[in-house]
C-alpha cells in the first residue's frame, strides 16, 4: 500500500510541473488563443506546456465569433 501511495504522489508531482494536452485543448484552455501562439508557448520550457498533438482543427466557436463580410 505504501508503494502505491508513493507512486501516486510522484506522478502527481510530475503532472504538476508539466501540463499535457493537444493543441486544441490548450487553444480552449487559454481563452481561444491562436494556434501559433500556443505552439510558441509550448516551445518555452518554462511555460509548463507539453503538446501531445499538433493537429490544427477548425474551431467552431472561433469561426462563429468572426465577423462576416455582408
Protein backbone atom coordinates (compact mmCIF):
# COMPACT_ATOMS: atom_id res chain seq x y z
CA UNK A 1 0.00 0.00 0.00
CA UNK A 2 2.80 2.41 0.84
CA UNK A 3 4.44 1.82 -2.56
CA UNK A 4 1.18 2.56 -4.34
CA UNK A 5 0.70 5.73 -2.32
CA UNK A 6 4.26 6.88 -3.09
CA UNK A 7 3.77 6.16 -6.80
CA UNK A 8 0.60 8.27 -6.90
CA UNK A 9 2.35 11.12 -5.11
CA UNK A 10 5.30 11.04 -7.53
CA UNK A 11 3.05 11.05 -10.60
CA UNK A 12 1.08 13.98 -9.17
CA UNK A 13 4.31 15.94 -8.72
CA UNK A 14 5.36 15.32 -12.32
CA UNK A 15 1.98 16.32 -13.71
CA UNK A 16 2.04 19.46 -11.56
CA UNK A 17 5.12 20.70 -13.38
CA UNK A 18 4.01 19.98 -16.96
CA UNK A 19 0.51 20.17 -18.40
CA UNK A 20 -0.03 17.76 -21.29
CA UNK A 21 -2.70 18.10 -23.93
CA UNK A 22 -3.43 18.59 -27.58
CA UNK A 23 -3.10 21.86 -29.43
CA UNK A 24 -6.89 22.13 -29.45
CA UNK A 25 -7.05 21.50 -25.68
CA UNK A 26 -4.69 24.38 -24.95
CA UNK A 27 -6.41 26.59 -27.54
CA UNK A 28 -9.61 26.14 -25.49
CA UNK A 29 -7.90 26.42 -22.07
CA UNK A 30 -6.14 29.66 -22.99
CA UNK A 31 -9.28 31.58 -23.99
CA UNK A 32 -9.13 30.58 -27.67
CA UNK A 33 -5.55 31.79 -28.12
CA UNK A 34 -4.48 31.26 -31.74
CA UNK A 35 -2.65 28.05 -32.62
CA UNK A 36 0.65 29.76 -33.49
CA UNK A 37 0.79 31.46 -30.09
CA UNK A 38 0.02 28.20 -28.26
CA UNK A 39 2.83 26.44 -30.14
CA UNK A 40 5.23 29.28 -29.27
CA UNK A 41 4.29 28.92 -25.60
CA UNK A 42 4.85 25.16 -25.77
CA UNK A 43 8.37 25.69 -27.14
CA UNK A 44 9.28 27.61 -23.97
CA UNK A 45 10.18 25.06 -21.31
CA UNK A 46 9.24 27.49 -18.57
CA UNK A 47 5.61 27.57 -19.77
CA UNK A 48 4.93 24.06 -18.47
CA UNK A 49 3.01 23.12 -21.62
CA UNK A 50 3.65 19.84 -23.46
CA UNK A 51 1.69 19.31 -26.67
CA UNK A 52 0.77 15.70 -27.41
CA UNK A 53 -0.78 16.51 -30.81
CA UNK A 54 -0.17 19.44 -33.16
CA UNK A 55 -3.25 18.90 -35.35
CA UNK A 56 -4.93 22.21 -36.26
CA UNK A 57 -8.65 21.58 -36.12
CA UNK A 58 -11.13 24.22 -37.26
CA UNK A 59 -12.62 25.63 -34.07
CA UNK A 60 -16.38 26.11 -34.46
CA UNK A 61 -16.53 28.65 -31.62
CA UNK A 62 -13.84 30.80 -33.24
CA UNK A 63 -15.49 30.52 -36.67
CA UNK A 64 -18.84 31.63 -35.24
CA UNK A 65 -17.20 34.55 -33.45
CA UNK A 66 -15.55 36.02 -36.53
CA UNK A 67 -17.43 38.85 -38.22
CA UNK A 68 -18.91 38.18 -41.64
CA UNK A 69 -18.47 40.43 -44.69
CA UNK A 70 -22.07 41.33 -45.62
